[in-house]
Amino acid sequence: MPGLTHFDSNGEAHMVDVSAKDVTARIATAACYIKMASETFDIIAQGRAKKGDVLSVARLAGIMGAKRTSDLIPLCHPLPITKASVDLTLDPDLPGIQIEATVKTTGQTGVEMEALTAASVAALTVYDMAKAVDRAMQIGGLRVVLKDGGKSGRYASE
């Protein structure tokens, strides 16, 4: 396993130099979930939340989060995102919402951090919009499920 790339030979944190990397099409998908009480799930599913359409607002927040990743994560490169999508799926078995975010770019570094940020911001937005009725909601399972493009090739979780 290669060493940590965000530290130089002196152990100092630094932004990785990607200037020698090839420009390639890159994609990443991240996923997480937010678990909630059955009553909260029903309120969201039926569109009865006092703050509005929870799923639509969370989708937009996730997309905005992807676009602001380099402002939030200190050593991330600002990237020209060519696509960002966030899918929120009601899951009565949790009960809660499954969240999947996909980000694409053509560039010299990947978009895993942007996808992870999009998924987590969407989940945080659901929490914010429903916390008045359920402060015990749990966000979990944040992970990269797909990464493709660049020298390291394709990664897909099982």
N, C-alpha and C. Protein backbone atom coordinates (compact mmCIF):
# COMPACT_ATOMS: atom_id res chain seq x y z
N MET A 1 0.85 -1.18 0.00
CA MET A 1 0.00 0.00 0.00
C MET A 1 0.90 1.24 0.00
N PRO A 2 0.66 2.17 -0.91
CA PRO A 2 1.49 3.37 -0.96
C PRO A 2 1.31 4.23 0.28
N GLY A 3 2.29 5.12 0.52
CA GLY A 3 2.23 6.00 1.67
C GLY A 3 1.14 7.06 1.52
N LEU A 4 0.96 7.81 2.57
CA LEU A 4 -0.02 8.89 2.56
C LEU A 4 0.52 10.02 1.68
N THR A 5 -0.28 10.43 0.71
CA THR A 5 0.19 11.38 -0.30
C THR A 5 0.10 12.83 0.14
N HIS A 6 -0.61 13.13 1.19
CA HIS A 6 -0.79 14.52 1.61
C HIS A 6 0.26 14.98 2.62
N PHE A 7 1.35 14.21 2.75
CA PHE A 7 2.46 14.60 3.62
C PHE A 7 3.74 14.54 2.82
N ASP A 8 4.60 15.56 3.00
CA ASP A 8 5.88 15.56 2.30
C ASP A 8 6.91 14.74 3.08
N SER A 9 8.16 14.73 2.62
CA SER A 9 9.19 13.90 3.24
C SER A 9 9.50 14.32 4.68
N ASN A 10 9.12 15.54 5.06
CA ASN A 10 9.32 16.01 6.44
C ASN A 10 8.08 15.79 7.31
N GLY A 11 7.06 15.17 6.77
CA GLY A 11 5.83 14.93 7.52
C GLY A 11 4.90 16.12 7.57
N GLU A 12 5.16 17.12 6.74
CA GLU A 12 4.32 18.32 6.68
C GLU A 12 3.16 18.09 5.71
N ALA A 13 1.98 18.55 6.08
CA ALA A 13 0.82 18.44 5.19
C ALA A 13 1.02 19.36 3.99
N HIS A 14 0.63 18.87 2.81
CA HIS A 14 0.72 19.68 1.59
C HIS A 14 -0.31 19.21 0.58
N MET A 15 -0.60 20.09 -0.37
CA MET A 15 -1.50 19.72 -1.47
C MET A 15 -0.68 18.93 -2.48
N VAL A 16 -1.19 17.81 -2.90
CA VAL A 16 -0.50 16.94 -3.85
C VAL A 16 -0.37 17.65 -5.20
N ASP A 17 0.81 17.56 -5.80
CA ASP A 17 1.04 18.13 -7.13
C ASP A 17 0.50 17.15 -8.17
N VAL A 18 -0.56 17.54 -8.87
CA VAL A 18 -1.16 16.67 -9.87
C VAL A 18 -0.81 17.11 -11.29
N SER A 19 0.10 18.06 -11.43
CA SER A 19 0.38 18.63 -12.74
C SER A 19 0.93 17.61 -13.74
N ALA A 20 1.58 16.56 -13.28
CA ALA A 20 2.12 15.55 -14.20
C ALA A 20 1.12 14.46 -14.53
N LYS A 21 -0.03 14.46 -13.88
CA LYS A 21 -1.05 13.43 -14.15
C LYS A 21 -1.77 13.71 -15.46
N ASP A 22 -2.21 12.64 -16.10
CA ASP A 22 -2.98 12.77 -17.33
C ASP A 22 -4.38 13.32 -17.04
N VAL A 23 -4.90 14.09 -17.96
CA VAL A 23 -6.28 14.53 -17.89
C VAL A 23 -7.14 13.38 -18.40
N THR A 24 -8.02 12.87 -17.54
CA THR A 24 -8.89 11.76 -17.92
C THR A 24 -10.30 12.01 -17.39
N ALA A 25 -11.25 11.30 -17.96
CA ALA A 25 -12.62 11.33 -17.44
C ALA A 25 -12.61 10.59 -16.10
N ARG A 26 -13.23 11.18 -15.10
CA ARG A 26 -13.24 10.60 -13.77
C ARG A 26 -14.65 10.65 -13.20
N ILE A 27 -14.98 9.64 -12.42
CA ILE A 27 -16.30 9.55 -11.80
C ILE A 27 -16.14 8.93 -10.42
N ALA A 28 -16.98 9.35 -9.50
CA ALA A 28 -17.04 8.72 -8.18
C ALA A 28 -18.47 8.75 -7.70
N THR A 29 -18.84 7.69 -7.00
CA THR A 29 -20.15 7.60 -6.37
C THR A 29 -19.93 7.27 -4.91
N ALA A 30 -20.62 7.99 -4.05
CA ALA A 30 -20.57 7.73 -2.60
C ALA A 30 -21.99 7.50 -2.12
N ALA A 31 -22.10 6.80 -1.00
CA ALA A 31 -23.41 6.50 -0.45
C ALA A 31 -23.39 6.60 1.07
N CYS A 32 -24.55 6.85 1.62
CA CYS A 32 -24.76 6.81 3.07
C CYS A 32 -26.26 6.65 3.31
N TYR A 33 -26.65 6.67 4.57
CA TYR A 33 -28.07 6.60 4.89
C TYR A 33 -28.34 7.48 6.10
N ILE A 34 -29.59 7.81 6.28
CA ILE A 34 -30.04 8.45 7.51
C ILE A 34 -31.23 7.66 8.02
N LYS A 35 -31.08 7.18 9.23
CA LYS A 35 -32.11 6.36 9.87
C LYS A 35 -32.91 7.24 10.82
N MET A 36 -34.21 7.00 10.90
CA MET A 36 -35.10 7.86 11.68
C MET A 36 -36.26 7.05 12.25
N ALA A 37 -37.03 7.69 13.11
CA ALA A 37 -38.24 7.07 13.65
C ALA A 37 -39.26 6.90 12.54
N SER A 38 -40.12 5.91 12.69
CA SER A 38 -41.16 5.65 11.69
C SER A 38 -42.04 6.87 11.46
N GLU A 39 -42.34 7.61 12.52
CA GLU A 39 -43.18 8.79 12.39
C GLU A 39 -42.50 9.86 11.53
N THR A 40 -41.19 10.02 11.72
CA THR A 40 -40.42 11.00 10.94
C THR A 40 -40.39 10.57 9.48
N PHE A 41 -40.18 9.29 9.25
CA PHE A 41 -40.19 8.75 7.89
C PHE A 41 -41.51 9.06 7.21
N ASP A 42 -42.62 8.85 7.91
CA ASP A 42 -43.94 9.12 7.34
C ASP A 42 -44.12 10.60 7.00
N ILE A 43 -43.67 11.47 7.87
CA ILE A 43 -43.77 12.92 7.62
C ILE A 43 -43.02 13.29 6.34
N ILE A 44 -41.81 12.78 6.19
CA ILE A 44 -41.02 13.08 4.99
C ILE A 44 -41.64 12.45 3.75
N ALA A 45 -42.03 11.19 3.86
CA ALA A 45 -42.60 10.47 2.71
C ALA A 45 -43.89 11.11 2.23
N GLN A 46 -44.67 11.64 3.14
CA GLN A 46 -45.95 12.26 2.80
C GLN A 46 -45.84 13.75 2.50
N GLY A 47 -44.62 14.29 2.56
CA GLY A 47 -44.41 15.71 2.26
C GLY A 47 -45.01 16.65 3.29
N ARG A 48 -45.06 16.23 4.57
CA ARG A 48 -45.68 17.05 5.60
C ARG A 48 -44.69 17.80 6.49
N ALA A 49 -43.42 17.84 6.11
CA ALA A 49 -42.42 18.55 6.93
C ALA A 49 -42.68 20.05 6.89
N LYS A 50 -42.59 20.70 8.04
CA LYS A 50 -42.90 22.13 8.12
C LYS A 50 -41.93 22.98 7.32
N LYS A 51 -40.69 22.51 7.14
CA LYS A 51 -39.70 23.29 6.40
C LYS A 51 -39.80 23.10 4.90
N GLY A 52 -40.67 22.20 4.43
CA GLY A 52 -40.85 22.01 2.99
C GLY A 52 -40.48 20.62 2.52
N ASP A 53 -40.22 20.52 1.22
CA ASP A 53 -39.91 19.25 0.57
C ASP A 53 -38.48 18.82 0.94
N VAL A 54 -38.38 17.95 1.91
CA VAL A 54 -37.10 17.52 2.47
C VAL A 54 -36.19 16.92 1.40
N LEU A 55 -36.71 16.04 0.58
CA LEU A 55 -35.88 15.34 -0.40
C LEU A 55 -35.33 16.30 -1.46
N SER A 56 -36.15 17.21 -1.94
CA SER A 56 -35.68 18.17 -2.96
C SER A 56 -34.63 19.11 -2.40
N VAL A 57 -34.84 19.60 -1.20
CA VAL A 57 -33.87 20.50 -0.59
C VAL A 57 -32.56 19.77 -0.32
N ALA A 58 -32.64 18.54 0.18
CA ALA A 58 -31.43 17.75 0.46
C ALA A 58 -30.66 17.45 -0.83
N ARG A 59 -31.38 17.17 -1.91
CA ARG A 59 -30.73 16.92 -3.20
C ARG A 59 -29.93 18.14 -3.65
N LEU A 60 -30.56 19.31 -3.59
CA LEU A 60 -29.87 20.54 -3.98
C LEU A 60 -28.69 20.84 -3.06
N ALA A 61 -28.86 20.63 -1.77
CA ALA A 61 -27.78 20.88 -0.82
C ALA A 61 -26.59 19.97 -1.11
N GLY A 62 -26.85 18.70 -1.44
CA GLY A 62 -25.78 17.78 -1.77
C GLY A 62 -25.00 18.22 -3.00
N ILE A 63 -25.72 18.66 -4.02
CA ILE A 63 -25.06 19.15 -5.24
C ILE A 63 -24.21 20.38 -4.91
N MET A 64 -24.77 21.29 -4.13
CA MET A 64 -24.01 22.47 -3.73
C MET A 64 -22.77 22.08 -2.91
N GLY A 65 -22.91 21.09 -2.05
CA GLY A 65 -21.78 20.60 -1.26
C GLY A 65 -20.66 20.07 -2.13
N ALA A 66 -21.02 19.32 -3.16
CA ALA A 66 -20.00 18.80 -4.08
C ALA A 66 -19.20 19.94 -4.69
N LYS A 67 -19.90 21.01 -5.06
CA LYS A 67 -19.24 22.15 -5.70
C LYS A 67 -18.36 22.94 -4.74
N ARG A 68 -18.57 22.79 -3.45
CA ARG A 68 -17.81 23.56 -2.44
C ARG A 68 -16.79 22.71 -1.69
N THR A 69 -16.54 21.51 -2.14
CA THR A 69 -15.67 20.60 -1.40
C THR A 69 -14.30 21.19 -1.11
N SER A 70 -13.68 21.82 -2.10
CA SER A 70 -12.33 22.36 -1.87
C SER A 70 -12.34 23.51 -0.86
N ASP A 71 -13.50 24.11 -0.61
CA ASP A 71 -13.60 25.14 0.43
C ASP A 71 -13.68 24.52 1.82
N LEU A 72 -14.08 23.26 1.90
CA LEU A 72 -14.30 22.59 3.18
C LEU A 72 -13.15 21.67 3.59
N ILE A 73 -12.55 21.00 2.62
CA ILE A 73 -11.48 20.04 2.89
C ILE A 73 -10.17 20.71 2.48
N PRO A 74 -9.30 21.03 3.44
CA PRO A 74 -8.17 21.92 3.18
C PRO A 74 -7.24 21.54 2.02
N LEU A 75 -7.00 20.27 1.77
CA LEU A 75 -6.01 19.89 0.76
C LEU A 75 -6.63 19.40 -0.54
N CYS A 76 -7.94 19.57 -0.70
CA CYS A 76 -8.61 19.19 -1.95
C CYS A 76 -8.36 20.24 -3.02
N HIS A 77 -8.19 19.76 -4.24
CA HIS A 77 -8.05 20.67 -5.37
C HIS A 77 -9.43 21.17 -5.80
N PRO A 78 -9.53 22.45 -6.15
CA PRO A 78 -10.79 22.90 -6.77
C PRO A 78 -10.89 22.28 -8.16
N LEU A 79 -12.03 21.68 -8.45
CA LEU A 79 -12.18 20.94 -9.70
C LEU A 79 -13.34 21.46 -10.53
N PRO A 80 -13.19 21.39 -11.85
CA PRO A 80 -14.33 21.73 -12.72
C PRO A 80 -15.28 20.53 -12.80
N ILE A 81 -16.29 20.54 -11.98
CA ILE A 81 -17.25 19.43 -11.94
C ILE A 81 -18.13 19.52 -13.18
N THR A 82 -18.23 18.40 -13.90
CA THR A 82 -19.06 18.37 -15.10
C THR A 82 -20.44 17.80 -14.84
N LYS A 83 -20.60 17.07 -13.71
CA LYS A 83 -21.90 16.53 -13.33
C LYS A 83 -21.89 16.24 -11.84
N ALA A 84 -22.99 16.56 -11.20
CA ALA A 84 -23.19 16.17 -9.81
C ALA A 84 -24.66 15.81 -9.66
N SER A 85 -24.91 14.62 -9.16
CA SER A 85 -26.30 14.20 -8.93
C SER A 85 -26.39 13.54 -7.56
N VAL A 86 -27.55 13.71 -6.94
CA VAL A 86 -27.79 13.12 -5.63
C VAL A 86 -29.16 12.45 -5.69
N ASP A 87 -29.19 11.17 -5.39
CA ASP A 87 -30.44 10.42 -5.36
C ASP A 87 -30.76 10.05 -3.92
N LEU A 88 -31.98 10.36 -3.51
CA LEU A 88 -32.45 10.03 -2.18
C LEU A 88 -33.62 9.06 -2.33
N THR A 89 -33.49 7.90 -1.71
CA THR A 89 -34.50 6.86 -1.85
C THR A 89 -35.10 6.54 -0.48
N LEU A 90 -36.40 6.69 -0.38
CA LEU A 90 -37.09 6.33 0.85
C LEU A 90 -36.95 4.82 1.08
N ASP A 91 -36.54 4.44 2.29
CA ASP A 91 -36.33 3.04 2.62
C ASP A 91 -37.12 2.72 3.90
N PRO A 92 -38.33 2.17 3.74
CA PRO A 92 -39.15 1.89 4.92
C PRO A 92 -38.55 0.84 5.84
N ASP A 93 -37.63 0.03 5.34
CA ASP A 93 -37.02 -1.00 6.18
C ASP A 93 -36.04 -0.43 7.20
N LEU A 94 -35.46 0.75 6.92
CA LEU A 94 -34.53 1.35 7.90
C LEU A 94 -35.26 1.71 9.20
N PRO A 95 -36.26 2.46 9.30
CA PRO A 95 -36.79 3.37 8.29
C PRO A 95 -35.86 4.57 8.12
N GLY A 96 -35.83 5.09 6.89
CA GLY A 96 -34.99 6.24 6.61
C GLY A 96 -34.80 6.46 5.13
N ILE A 97 -33.68 7.05 4.80
CA ILE A 97 -33.39 7.43 3.43
C ILE A 97 -32.01 6.94 3.04
N GLN A 98 -31.93 6.25 1.91
CA GLN A 98 -30.66 5.87 1.32
C GLN A 98 -30.23 7.01 0.39
N ILE A 99 -28.98 7.40 0.47
CA ILE A 99 -28.48 8.53 -0.32
C ILE A 99 -27.31 8.07 -1.16
N GLU A 100 -27.34 8.45 -2.43
CA GLU A 100 -26.25 8.12 -3.34
C GLU A 100 -25.91 9.38 -4.15
N ALA A 101 -24.64 9.73 -4.17
CA ALA A 101 -24.18 10.93 -4.88
C ALA A 101 -23.13 10.53 -5.91
N THR A 102 -23.27 11.05 -7.13
CA THR A 102 -22.32 10.78 -8.20
C THR A 102 -21.78 12.10 -8.73
N VAL A 103 -20.47 12.15 -8.88
CA VAL A 103 -19.80 13.35 -9.38
C VAL A 103 -18.87 12.94 -10.51
N LYS A 104 -18.84 13.77 -11.57
CA LYS A 104 -17.96 13.55 -12.71
C LYS A 104 -17.12 14.78 -12.98
N THR A 105 -15.95 14.55 -13.56
CA THR A 105 -15.09 15.62 -14.04
C THR A 105 -14.19 15.06 -15.12
N THR A 106 -13.55 15.94 -15.84
CA THR A 106 -12.44 15.58 -16.71
C THR A 106 -11.27 16.38 -16.18
N GLY A 107 -10.30 15.68 -15.62
CA GLY A 107 -9.21 16.40 -14.98
C GLY A 107 -8.07 15.51 -14.58
N GLN A 108 -7.23 16.04 -13.67
CA GLN A 108 -6.00 15.36 -13.28
C GLN A 108 -6.09 14.70 -11.90
N THR A 109 -7.24 14.80 -11.26
CA THR A 109 -7.43 14.13 -9.98
C THR A 109 -8.89 13.73 -9.84
N GLY A 110 -9.14 12.78 -8.96
CA GLY A 110 -10.47 12.20 -8.84
C GLY A 110 -11.45 13.04 -8.05
N VAL A 111 -12.69 12.58 -8.03
CA VAL A 111 -13.79 13.31 -7.40
C VAL A 111 -14.43 12.53 -6.25
N GLU A 112 -13.65 11.66 -5.61
CA GLU A 112 -14.18 10.91 -4.48
C GLU A 112 -14.61 11.83 -3.34
N MET A 113 -13.80 12.82 -3.04
CA MET A 113 -14.13 13.73 -1.94
C MET A 113 -15.39 14.52 -2.24
N GLU A 114 -15.56 14.89 -3.49
CA GLU A 114 -16.77 15.63 -3.87
C GLU A 114 -18.02 14.76 -3.71
N ALA A 115 -17.91 13.49 -4.10
CA ALA A 115 -19.05 12.58 -3.95
C ALA A 115 -19.36 12.33 -2.47
N LEU A 116 -18.32 12.12 -1.66
CA LEU A 116 -18.52 11.93 -0.22
C LEU A 116 -19.14 13.17 0.42
N THR A 117 -18.68 14.33 0.01
CA THR A 117 -19.23 15.57 0.56
C THR A 117 -20.69 15.73 0.17
N ALA A 118 -21.00 15.45 -1.09
CA ALA A 118 -22.39 15.56 -1.55
C ALA A 118 -23.31 14.66 -0.75
N ALA A 119 -22.92 13.41 -0.56
CA ALA A 119 -23.77 12.47 0.19
C ALA A 119 -23.94 12.92 1.63
N SER A 120 -22.85 13.35 2.27
CA SER A 120 -22.95 13.73 3.67
C SER A 120 -23.74 15.03 3.85
N VAL A 121 -23.57 16.00 2.96
CA VAL A 121 -24.34 17.24 3.07
C VAL A 121 -25.83 16.98 2.85
N ALA A 122 -26.16 16.09 1.94
CA ALA A 122 -27.57 15.72 1.74
C ALA A 122 -28.14 15.11 3.02
N ALA A 123 -27.40 14.21 3.65
CA ALA A 123 -27.87 13.59 4.89
C ALA A 123 -28.00 14.63 6.01
N LEU A 124 -27.04 15.51 6.11
CA LEU A 124 -27.10 16.56 7.13
C LEU A 124 -28.30 17.49 6.91
N THR A 125 -28.63 17.72 5.66
CA THR A 125 -29.79 18.57 5.34
C THR A 125 -31.09 17.89 5.75
N VAL A 126 -31.19 16.59 5.51
CA VAL A 126 -32.38 15.86 5.98
C VAL A 126 -32.48 16.00 7.50
N TYR A 127 -31.36 15.81 8.18
CA TYR A 127 -31.38 15.95 9.65
C TYR A 127 -31.85 17.34 10.04
N ASP A 128 -31.29 18.37 9.42
CA ASP A 128 -31.65 19.74 9.75
C ASP A 128 -33.14 20.00 9.54
N MET A 129 -33.68 19.48 8.47
CA MET A 129 -35.08 19.75 8.14
C MET A 129 -36.06 18.97 9.01
N ALA A 130 -35.60 17.87 9.61
CA ALA A 130 -36.51 17.03 10.39
C ALA A 130 -36.17 16.96 11.87
N LYS A 131 -35.14 17.67 12.30
CA LYS A 131 -34.71 17.57 13.70
C LYS A 131 -35.76 18.05 14.70
N ALA A 132 -36.68 18.90 14.28
CA ALA A 132 -37.72 19.38 15.19
C ALA A 132 -38.61 18.24 15.68
N VAL A 133 -38.73 17.18 14.87
CA VAL A 133 -39.57 16.06 15.27
C VAL A 133 -38.77 14.82 15.66
N ASP A 134 -37.44 14.81 15.38
CA ASP A 134 -36.65 13.60 15.64
C ASP A 134 -35.17 13.94 15.77
N ARG A 135 -34.74 14.22 16.98
CA ARG A 135 -33.33 14.54 17.21
C ARG A 135 -32.47 13.28 17.30
N ALA A 136 -33.07 12.11 17.31
CA ALA A 136 -32.33 10.86 17.45
C ALA A 136 -31.97 10.23 16.10
N MET A 137 -32.21 10.94 14.99
CA MET A 137 -31.84 10.38 13.68
C MET A 137 -30.35 10.06 13.68
N GLN A 138 -29.99 9.03 12.90
CA GLN A 138 -28.59 8.60 12.81
C GLN A 138 -28.15 8.58 11.35
N ILE A 139 -27.01 9.19 11.10
CA ILE A 139 -26.40 9.17 9.77
C ILE A 139 -25.28 8.14 9.81
N GLY A 140 -25.22 7.27 8.81
CA GLY A 140 -24.19 6.24 8.84
C GLY A 140 -23.85 5.71 7.46
N GLY A 141 -22.84 4.84 7.45
CA GLY A 141 -22.49 4.10 6.25
C GLY A 141 -21.84 4.92 5.15
N LEU A 142 -21.27 6.08 5.45
CA LEU A 142 -20.67 6.91 4.41
C LEU A 142 -19.46 6.20 3.82
N ARG A 143 -19.50 6.03 2.49
CA ARG A 143 -18.43 5.27 1.82
C ARG A 143 -18.41 5.58 0.33
N VAL A 144 -17.25 5.33 -0.29
CA VAL A 144 -17.14 5.39 -1.74
C VAL A 144 -17.58 4.03 -2.27
N VAL A 145 -18.51 4.02 -3.20
CA VAL A 145 -18.96 2.75 -3.78
C VAL A 145 -18.44 2.55 -5.20
N LEU A 146 -17.99 3.64 -5.83
CA LEU A 146 -17.42 3.55 -7.18
C LEU A 146 -16.45 4.69 -7.38
N LYS A 147 -15.31 4.36 -7.99
CA LYS A 147 -14.34 5.36 -8.41
C LYS A 147 -13.75 4.84 -9.70
N ASP A 148 -13.69 5.68 -10.72
CA ASP A 148 -13.12 5.25 -11.99
C ASP A 148 -12.41 6.42 -12.64
N GLY A 149 -11.38 6.10 -13.42
CA GLY A 149 -10.60 7.11 -14.11
C GLY A 149 -9.26 7.31 -13.44
N GLY A 150 -8.31 7.76 -14.21
CA GLY A 150 -6.98 8.01 -13.66
C GLY A 150 -6.13 6.77 -13.63
N LYS A 151 -4.91 6.94 -13.12
CA LYS A 151 -3.91 5.87 -13.13
C LYS A 151 -4.30 4.67 -12.28
N SER A 152 -5.00 4.91 -11.17
CA SER A 152 -5.33 3.78 -10.29
C SER A 152 -6.52 2.96 -10.79
N GLY A 153 -7.18 3.43 -11.83
CA GLY A 153 -8.24 2.64 -12.46
C GLY A 153 -9.53 2.62 -11.70
N ARG A 154 -10.24 1.50 -11.82
CA ARG A 154 -11.60 1.37 -11.29
C ARG A 154 -11.60 0.71 -9.92
N TYR A 155 -12.42 1.25 -9.03
CA TYR A 155 -12.71 0.64 -7.75
C TYR A 155 -14.22 0.59 -7.60
N ALA A 156 -14.73 -0.55 -7.23
CA ALA A 156 -16.15 -0.69 -6.93
C ALA A 156 -16.29 -1.55 -5.68
N SER A 157 -17.05 -1.05 -4.70
CA SER A 157 -17.25 -1.84 -3.48
C SER A 157 -18.24 -2.95 -3.76
N GLU A 158 -18.24 -3.91 -2.91
CA GLU A 158 -19.12 -5.06 -3.10
C GLU A 158 -20.43 -4.88 -2.40
